[in-house]
PDB file of N, CA and C in Angstrom:
ATOM      1  N   MET A   1      11.414 -30.700  47.276  1.00  0.00           N
ATOM      2  CA  MET A   1      12.346 -31.547  47.965  1.00  0.00           C
ATOM      3  C   MET A   1      13.751 -31.135  47.525  1.00  0.00           C
ATOM      4  N   GLY A   2      14.613 -30.900  48.479  1.00  0.00           N
ATOM      5  CA  GLY A   2      15.963 -30.497  48.128  1.00  0.00           C
ATOM      6  C   GLY A   2      16.993 -31.381  48.806  1.00  0.00           C
ATOM      7  N   PHE A   3      18.101 -31.553  48.144  1.00  0.00           N
ATOM      8  CA  PHE A   3      19.205 -32.321  48.688  1.00  0.00           C
ATOM      9  C   PHE A   3      20.437 -31.435  48.667  1.00  0.00           C
ATOM     10  N   THR A   4      21.243 -31.550  49.685  1.00  0.00           N
ATOM     11  CA  THR A   4      22.506 -30.820  49.689  1.00  0.00           C
ATOM     12  C   THR A   4      23.635 -31.795  49.951  1.00  0.00           C
ATOM     13  N   PHE A   5      24.756 -31.522  49.351  1.00  0.00           N
ATOM     14  CA  PHE A   5      25.948 -32.315  49.607  1.00  0.00           C
ATOM     15  C   PHE A   5      27.158 -31.468  49.264  1.00  0.00           C
ATOM     16  N   GLU A   6      28.291 -31.845  49.798  1.00  0.00           N
ATOM     17  CA  GLU A   6      29.519 -31.090  49.602  1.00  0.00           C
ATOM     18  C   GLU A   6      29.998 -31.196  48.154  1.00  0.00           C
ATOM     19  N   HIS A   7      30.523 -30.099  47.649  1.00  0.00           N
ATOM     20  CA  HIS A   7      31.104 -30.061  46.306  1.00  0.00           C
ATOM     21  C   HIS A   7      32.568 -29.664  46.410  1.00  0.00           C
ATOM     22  N   ASP A   8      33.385 -30.262  45.607  1.00  0.00           N
ATOM     23  CA  ASP A   8      34.796 -29.895  45.525  1.00  0.00           C
ATOM     24  C   ASP A   8      35.002 -29.201  44.187  1.00  0.00           C
ATOM     25  N   PHE A   9      34.872 -27.878  44.162  1.00  0.00           N
ATOM     26  CA  PHE A   9      34.935 -27.122  42.915  1.00  0.00           C
ATOM     27  C   PHE A   9      36.338 -27.025  42.334  1.00  0.00           C
ATOM     28  N   ALA A  10      37.316 -27.542  43.048  1.00  0.00           N
ATOM     29  CA  ALA A  10      38.685 -27.556  42.524  1.00  0.00           C
ATOM     30  C   ALA A  10      39.011 -28.903  41.892  1.00  0.00           C
ATOM     31  N   ASN A  11      38.058 -29.831  41.944  1.00  0.00           N
ATOM     32  CA  ASN A  11      38.319 -31.177  41.438  1.00  0.00           C
ATOM     33  C   ASN A  11      37.070 -31.748  40.765  1.00  0.00           C
ATOM     34  N   VAL A  12      36.689 -31.139  39.658  1.00  0.00           N
ATOM     35  CA  VAL A  12      35.505 -31.571  38.913  1.00  0.00           C
ATOM     36  C   VAL A  12      35.920 -31.787  37.465  1.00  0.00           C
ATOM     37  N   GLU A  13      35.488 -32.877  36.881  1.00  0.00           N
ATOM     38  CA  GLU A  13      35.728 -33.102  35.454  1.00  0.00           C
ATOM     39  C   GLU A  13      34.511 -33.798  34.870  1.00  0.00           C
ATOM     40  N   TYR A  14      34.143 -33.386  33.666  1.00  0.00           N
ATOM     41  CA  TYR A  14      33.018 -34.019  32.980  1.00  0.00           C
ATOM     42  C   TYR A  14      33.165 -33.758  31.494  1.00  0.00           C
ATOM     43  N   GLU A  15      32.762 -34.711  30.702  1.00  0.00           N
ATOM     44  CA  GLU A  15      32.756 -34.522  29.255  1.00  0.00           C
ATOM     45  C   GLU A  15      31.672 -35.414  28.662  1.00  0.00           C
ATOM     46  N   ALA A  16      30.889 -34.846  27.767  1.00  0.00           N
ATOM     47  CA  ALA A  16      29.845 -35.590  27.068  1.00  0.00           C
ATOM     48  C   ALA A  16      30.231 -35.645  25.594  1.00  0.00           C
ATOM     49  N   GLU A  17      31.324 -36.308  25.313  1.00  0.00           N
ATOM     50  CA  GLU A  17      31.900 -36.300  23.968  1.00  0.00           C
ATOM     51  C   GLU A  17      30.933 -36.839  22.915  1.00  0.00           C
ATOM     52  N   GLU A  18      30.306 -37.964  23.185  1.00  0.00           N
ATOM     53  CA  GLU A  18      29.397 -38.565  22.200  1.00  0.00           C
ATOM     54  C   GLU A  18      28.202 -37.650  21.928  1.00  0.00           C
ATOM     55  N   PHE A  19      27.636 -37.096  22.993  1.00  0.00           N
ATOM     56  CA  PHE A  19      26.500 -36.183  22.861  1.00  0.00           C
ATOM     57  C   PHE A  19      26.888 -34.959  22.030  1.00  0.00           C
ATOM     58  N   ASP A  20      28.024 -34.352  22.368  1.00  0.00           N
ATOM     59  CA  ASP A  20      28.487 -33.172  21.640  1.00  0.00           C
ATOM     60  C   ASP A  20      28.787 -33.490  20.179  1.00  0.00           C
ATOM     61  N   ASN A  21      29.357 -34.643  19.918  1.00  0.00           N
ATOM     62  CA  ASN A  21      29.661 -35.025  18.534  1.00  0.00           C
ATOM     63  C   ASN A  21      28.390 -35.157  17.705  1.00  0.00           C
ATOM     64  N   ARG A  22      27.320 -35.700  18.307  1.00  0.00           N
ATOM     65  CA  ARG A  22      26.061 -35.843  17.574  1.00  0.00           C
ATOM     66  C   ARG A  22      25.469 -34.488  17.209  1.00  0.00           C
ATOM     67  N   LEU A  23      25.757 -33.469  18.024  1.00  0.00           N
ATOM     68  CA  LEU A  23      25.257 -32.121  17.747  1.00  0.00           C
ATOM     69  C   LEU A  23      26.275 -31.270  17.005  1.00  0.00           C
ATOM     70  N   ASN A  24      27.424 -31.880  16.690  1.00  0.00           N
ATOM     71  CA  ASN A  24      28.521 -31.164  16.033  1.00  0.00           C
ATOM     72  C   ASN A  24      28.960 -29.948  16.855  1.00  0.00           C
ATOM     73  N   THR A  25      29.078 -30.153  18.167  1.00  0.00           N
ATOM     74  CA  THR A  25      29.483 -29.086  19.090  1.00  0.00           C
ATOM     75  C   THR A  25      30.605 -29.594  19.990  1.00  0.00           C
ATOM     76  N   LYS A  26      31.695 -29.988  19.377  1.00  0.00           N
ATOM     77  CA  LYS A  26      32.810 -30.585  20.113  1.00  0.00           C
ATOM     78  C   LYS A  26      33.233 -29.721  21.307  1.00  0.00           C
ATOM     79  N   GLY A  27      33.304 -30.360  22.468  1.00  0.00           N
ATOM     80  CA  GLY A  27      33.782 -29.698  23.677  1.00  0.00           C
ATOM     81  C   GLY A  27      32.775 -28.813  24.383  1.00  0.00           C
ATOM     82  N   LEU A  28      31.543 -28.738  23.883  1.00  0.00           N
ATOM     83  CA  LEU A  28      30.554 -27.844  24.483  1.00  0.00           C
ATOM     84  C   LEU A  28      30.285 -28.183  25.950  1.00  0.00           C
ATOM     85  N   HIS A  29      30.210 -29.465  26.264  1.00  0.00           N
ATOM     86  CA  HIS A  29      29.897 -29.886  27.625  1.00  0.00           C
ATOM     87  C   HIS A  29      31.122 -30.387  28.381  1.00  0.00           C
ATOM     88  N   GLN A  30      32.279 -29.939  27.984  1.00  0.00           N
ATOM     89  CA  GLN A  30      33.499 -30.316  28.689  1.00  0.00           C
ATOM     90  C   GLN A  30      33.679 -29.390  29.892  1.00  0.00           C
ATOM     91  N   VAL A  31      33.846 -29.990  31.062  1.00  0.00           N
ATOM     92  CA  VAL A  31      34.073 -29.233  32.288  1.00  0.00           C
ATOM     93  C   VAL A  31      35.508 -29.467  32.714  1.00  0.00           C
ATOM     94  N   ARG A  32      36.243 -28.384  32.879  1.00  0.00           N
ATOM     95  CA  ARG A  32      37.636 -28.502  33.312  1.00  0.00           C
ATOM     96  C   ARG A  32      37.692 -28.896  34.780  1.00  0.00           C
ATOM     97  N   ARG A  33      38.847 -29.329  35.203  1.00  0.00           N
ATOM     98  CA  ARG A  33      39.015 -29.796  36.583  1.00  0.00           C
ATOM     99  C   ARG A  33      38.547 -28.756  37.594  1.00  0.00           C
ATOM    100  N   LYS A  34      38.992 -27.506  37.459  1.00  0.00           N
ATOM    101  CA  LYS A  34      38.616 -26.469  38.420  1.00  0.00           C
ATOM    102  C   LYS A  34      37.485 -25.626  37.839  1.00  0.00           C
ATOM    103  N   VAL A  35      36.394 -25.511  38.590  1.00  0.00           N
ATOM    104  CA  VAL A  35      35.258 -24.705  38.156  1.00  0.00           C
ATOM    105  C   VAL A  35      35.561 -23.246  38.490  1.00  0.00           C
ATOM    106  N   GLU A  36      35.696 -22.436  37.446  1.00  0.00           N
ATOM    107  CA  GLU A  36      35.983 -21.017  37.633  1.00  0.00           C
ATOM    108  C   GLU A  36      35.616 -20.269  36.358  1.00  0.00           C
ATOM    109  N   PHE A  37      35.383 -18.981  36.495  1.00  0.00           N
ATOM    110  CA  PHE A  37      35.074 -18.153  35.341  1.00  0.00           C
ATOM    111  C   PHE A  37      36.327 -17.986  34.489  1.00  0.00           C
ATOM    112  N   GLN A  38      36.160 -18.153  33.195  1.00  0.00           N
ATOM    113  CA  GLN A  38      37.253 -17.922  32.263  1.00  0.00           C
ATOM    114  C   GLN A  38      36.737 -16.994  31.171  1.00  0.00           C
ATOM    115  N   PRO A  39      37.175 -15.745  31.182  1.00  0.00           N
ATOM    116  CA  PRO A  39      36.699 -14.810  30.155  1.00  0.00           C
ATOM    117  C   PRO A  39      37.144 -15.252  28.769  1.00  0.00           C
ATOM    118  N   ARG A  40      36.321 -14.983  27.798  1.00  0.00           N
ATOM    119  CA  ARG A  40      36.673 -15.325  26.420  1.00  0.00           C
ATOM    120  C   ARG A  40      36.087 -14.285  25.491  1.00  0.00           C
ATOM    121  N   LEU A  41      36.680 -14.173  24.348  1.00  0.00           N
ATOM    122  CA  LEU A  41      36.227 -13.207  23.355  1.00  0.00           C
ATOM    123  C   LEU A  41      35.142 -13.821  22.486  1.00  0.00           C
ATOM    124  N   THR A  42      34.203 -13.005  22.079  1.00  0.00           N
ATOM    125  CA  THR A  42      33.167 -13.460  21.163  1.00  0.00           C
ATOM    126  C   THR A  42      33.599 -13.173  19.728  1.00  0.00           C
ATOM    127  N   ILE A  43      33.116 -13.980  18.820  1.00  0.00           N
ATOM    128  CA  ILE A  43      33.397 -13.723  17.404  1.00  0.00           C
ATOM    129  C   ILE A  43      32.246 -12.960  16.758  1.00  0.00           C
ATOM    130  N   LEU A  44      31.183 -12.730  17.530  1.00  0.00           N
ATOM    131  CA  LEU A  44      30.019 -12.011  17.010  1.00  0.00           C
ATOM    132  C   LEU A  44      30.243 -10.504  17.062  1.00  0.00           C
ATOM    133  N   PRO A  45      29.665  -9.774  16.117  1.00  0.00           N
ATOM    134  CA  PRO A  45      29.685  -8.312  16.209  1.00  0.00           C
ATOM    135  C   PRO A  45      28.921  -7.887  17.472  1.00  0.00           C
ATOM    136  N   PRO A  46      29.273  -6.756  18.084  1.00  0.00           N
ATOM    137  CA  PRO A  46      28.649  -6.347  19.350  1.00  0.00           C
ATOM    138  C   PRO A  46      27.125  -6.297  19.321  1.00  0.00           C
ATOM    139  N   ASP A  47      26.523  -5.828  18.222  1.00  0.00           N
ATOM    140  CA  ASP A  47      25.062  -5.745  18.172  1.00  0.00           C
ATOM    141  C   ASP A  47      24.422  -7.128  18.189  1.00  0.00           C
ATOM    142  N   LEU A  48      25.006  -8.082  17.481  1.00  0.00           N
ATOM    143  CA  LEU A  48      24.472  -9.447  17.499  1.00  0.00           C
ATOM    144  C   LEU A  48      24.688 -10.102  18.859  1.00  0.00           C
ATOM    145  N   PHE A  49      25.836  -9.866  19.454  1.00  0.00           N
ATOM    146  CA  PHE A  49      26.105 -10.432  20.775  1.00  0.00           C
ATOM    147  C   PHE A  49      25.057  -9.951  21.771  1.00  0.00           C
ATOM    148  N   THR A  50      24.763  -8.659  21.758  1.00  0.00           N
ATOM    149  CA  THR A  50      23.760  -8.097  22.663  1.00  0.00           C
ATOM    150  C   THR A  50      22.384  -8.689  22.380  1.00  0.00           C
ATOM    151  N   GLN A  51      22.037  -8.825  21.113  1.00  0.00           N
ATOM    152  CA  GLN A  51      20.733  -9.376  20.736  1.00  0.00           C
ATOM    153  C   GLN A  51      20.587 -10.817  21.222  1.00  0.00           C
ATOM    154  N   TYR A  52      21.573 -11.654  20.951  1.00  0.00           N
ATOM    155  CA  TYR A  52      21.477 -13.067  21.313  1.00  0.00           C
ATOM    156  C   TYR A  52      21.714 -13.311  22.795  1.00  0.00           C
ATOM    157  N   ASP A  53      22.419 -12.407  23.440  1.00  0.00           N
ATOM    158  CA  ASP A  53      22.638 -12.539  24.873  1.00  0.00           C
ATOM    159  C   ASP A  53      21.321 -12.436  25.632  1.00  0.00           C
ATOM    160  N   ALA A  54      20.373 -11.690  25.073  1.00  0.00           N
ATOM    161  CA  ALA A  54      19.086 -11.484  25.731  1.00  0.00           C
ATOM    162  C   ALA A  54      18.105 -12.637  25.500  1.00  0.00           C
ATOM    163  N   LEU A  55      18.397 -13.536  24.590  1.00  0.00           N
ATOM    164  CA  LEU A  55      17.477 -14.631  24.284  1.00  0.00           C
ATOM    165  C   LEU A  55      17.631 -15.780  25.279  1.00  0.00           C
ATOM    166  N   SER A  56      16.531 -16.407  25.583  1.00  0.00           N
ATOM    167  CA  SER A  56      16.540 -17.565  26.478  1.00  0.00           C
ATOM    168  C   SER A  56      15.799 -18.708  25.797  1.00  0.00           C
ATOM    169  N   PHE A  57      16.403 -19.259  24.750  1.00  0.00           N
ATOM    170  CA  PHE A  57      15.718 -20.276  23.950  1.00  0.00           C
ATOM    171  C   PHE A  57      15.328 -21.498  24.768  1.00  0.00           C
ATOM    172  N   TRP A  58      16.050 -21.773  25.830  1.00  0.00           N
ATOM    173  CA  TRP A  58      15.772 -22.982  26.605  1.00  0.00           C
ATOM    174  C   TRP A  58      14.479 -22.863  27.407  1.00  0.00           C
ATOM    175  N   LYS A  59      13.941 -21.648  27.556  1.00  0.00           N
ATOM    176  CA  LYS A  59      12.682 -21.480  28.276  1.00  0.00           C
ATOM    177  C   LYS A  59      11.480 -21.797  27.394  1.00  0.00           C
ATOM    178  N   ASN A  60      11.642 -21.697  26.077  1.00  0.00           N
ATOM    179  CA  ASN A  60      10.579 -22.027  25.135  1.00  0.00           C
ATOM    180  C   ASN A  60      11.207 -22.720  23.928  1.00  0.00           C
ATOM    181  N   PRO A  61      11.456 -24.023  24.037  1.00  0.00           N
ATOM    182  CA  PRO A  61      12.177 -24.729  22.983  1.00  0.00           C
ATOM    183  C   PRO A  61      11.351 -25.031  21.737  1.00  0.00           C
ATOM    184  N   SER A  62      10.072 -24.706  21.728  1.00  0.00           N
ATOM    185  CA  SER A  62       9.228 -25.095  20.599  1.00  0.00           C
ATOM    186  C   SER A  62       9.620 -24.414  19.290  1.00  0.00           C
ATOM    187  N   ASN A  63      10.271 -23.270  19.354  1.00  0.00           N
ATOM    188  CA  ASN A  63      10.646 -22.550  18.137  1.00  0.00           C
ATOM    189  C   ASN A  63      12.122 -22.691  17.800  1.00  0.00           C
ATOM    190  N   SER A  64      12.775 -23.689  18.362  1.00  0.00           N
ATOM    191  CA  SER A  64      14.216 -23.811  18.181  1.00  0.00           C
ATOM    192  C   SER A  64      14.610 -25.261  17.941  1.00  0.00           C
ATOM    193  N   LEU A  65      15.565 -25.456  17.045  1.00  0.00           N
ATOM    194  CA  LEU A  65      16.104 -26.804  16.858  1.00  0.00           C
ATOM    195  C   LEU A  65      16.909 -27.245  18.068  1.00  0.00           C
ATOM    196  N   ALA A  66      17.223 -26.317  18.962  1.00  0.00           N
ATOM    197  CA  ALA A  66      17.985 -26.650  20.161  1.00  0.00           C
ATOM    198  C   ALA A  66      17.160 -27.473  21.146  1.00  0.00           C
ATOM    199  N   ASN A  67      15.870 -27.691  20.863  1.00  0.00           N
ATOM    200  CA  ASN A  67      15.058 -28.470  21.795  1.00  0.00           C
ATOM    201  C   ASN A  67      15.561 -29.894  21.945  1.00  0.00           C
ATOM    202  N   VAL A  68      16.471 -30.321  21.084  1.00  0.00           N
ATOM    203  CA  VAL A  68      17.037 -31.662  21.216  1.00  0.00           C
ATOM    204  C   VAL A  68      17.797 -31.801  22.525  1.00  0.00           C
ATOM    205  N   ILE A  69      18.259 -30.684  23.109  1.00  0.00           N
ATOM    206  CA  ILE A  69      19.028 -30.773  24.345  1.00  0.00           C
ATOM    207  C   ILE A  69      18.180 -30.514  25.584  1.00  0.00           C
ATOM    208  N   VAL A  70      16.877 -30.312  25.410  1.00  0.00           N
ATOM    209  CA  VAL A  70      15.992 -30.064  26.532  1.00  0.00           C
ATOM    210  C   VAL A  70      15.345 -31.378  26.948  1.00  0.00           C
ATOM    211  N   ALA A  71      15.325 -31.627  28.249  1.00  0.00           N
ATOM    212  CA  ALA A  71      14.688 -32.841  28.749  1.00  0.00           C
ATOM    213  C   ALA A  71      13.204 -32.811  28.404  1.00  0.00           C
ATOM    214  N   GLN A  72      12.723 -33.862  27.816  1.00  0.00           N
ATOM    215  CA  GLN A  72      11.325 -33.966  27.439  1.00  0.00           C
ATOM    216  C   GLN A  72      10.599 -34.840  28.458  1.00  0.00           C
ATOM    217  N   PRO A  73       9.342 -34.507  28.791  1.00  0.00           N
ATOM    218  CA  PRO A  73       8.601 -35.337  29.741  1.00  0.00           C
ATOM    219  C   PRO A  73       8.383 -36.740  29.182  1.00  0.00           C
ATOM    220  N   VAL A  74       8.430 -37.702  30.062  1.00  0.00           N
ATOM    221  CA  VAL A  74       8.223 -39.096  29.676  1.00  0.00           C
ATOM    222  C   VAL A  74       6.801 -39.479  30.039  1.00  0.00           C
ATOM    223  N   GLU A  75       6.080 -40.043  29.081  1.00  0.00           N
ATOM    224  CA  GLU A  75       4.705 -40.455  29.341  1.00  0.00           C
ATOM    225  C   GLU A  75       4.693 -41.738  30.160  1.00  0.00           C
ATOM    226  N   ALA A  76       3.735 -41.825  31.069  1.00  0.00           N
ATOM    227  CA  ALA A  76       3.604 -43.020  31.895  1.00  0.00           C
ATOM    228  C   ALA A  76       3.120 -44.182  31.038  1.00  0.00           C
ATOM    229  N   VAL A  77       3.651 -45.337  31.296  1.00  0.00           N
ATOM    230  CA  VAL A  77       3.257 -46.537  30.571  1.00  0.00           C
ATOM    231  C   VAL A  77       2.356 -47.356  31.478  1.00  0.00           C
ATOM    232  N   SER A  78       1.130 -47.624  31.037  1.00  0.00           N
ATOM    233  CA  SER A  78       0.220 -48.431  31.852  1.00  0.00           C
ATOM    234  C   SER A  78       0.397 -49.896  31.508  1.00  0.00           C
ATOM    235  N   LYS A  79       0.306 -50.724  32.521  1.00  0.00           N
ATOM    236  CA  LYS A  79       0.494 -52.169  32.325  1.00  0.00           C
ATOM    237  C   LYS A  79      -0.811 -52.897  32.387  1.00  0.00           C
TER     238      LYS A  79
END
């Protein structure tokens, strides 16, 4: 099932300050008003950047502490 609706990519803002603070990742989920690519420099050495760029921890969160940010299935409650 899919839904479509108009997006205004020049007028978007979002911030999950409390969530980011709990993970000690200030500003991680801050979305600026205009959605656009902004190049930035990495602080990692090139070999580490290449190594970690290839990882997709969110596809298998069982081996990562980052699973706290992955939606977990909710068990049905019987009445």
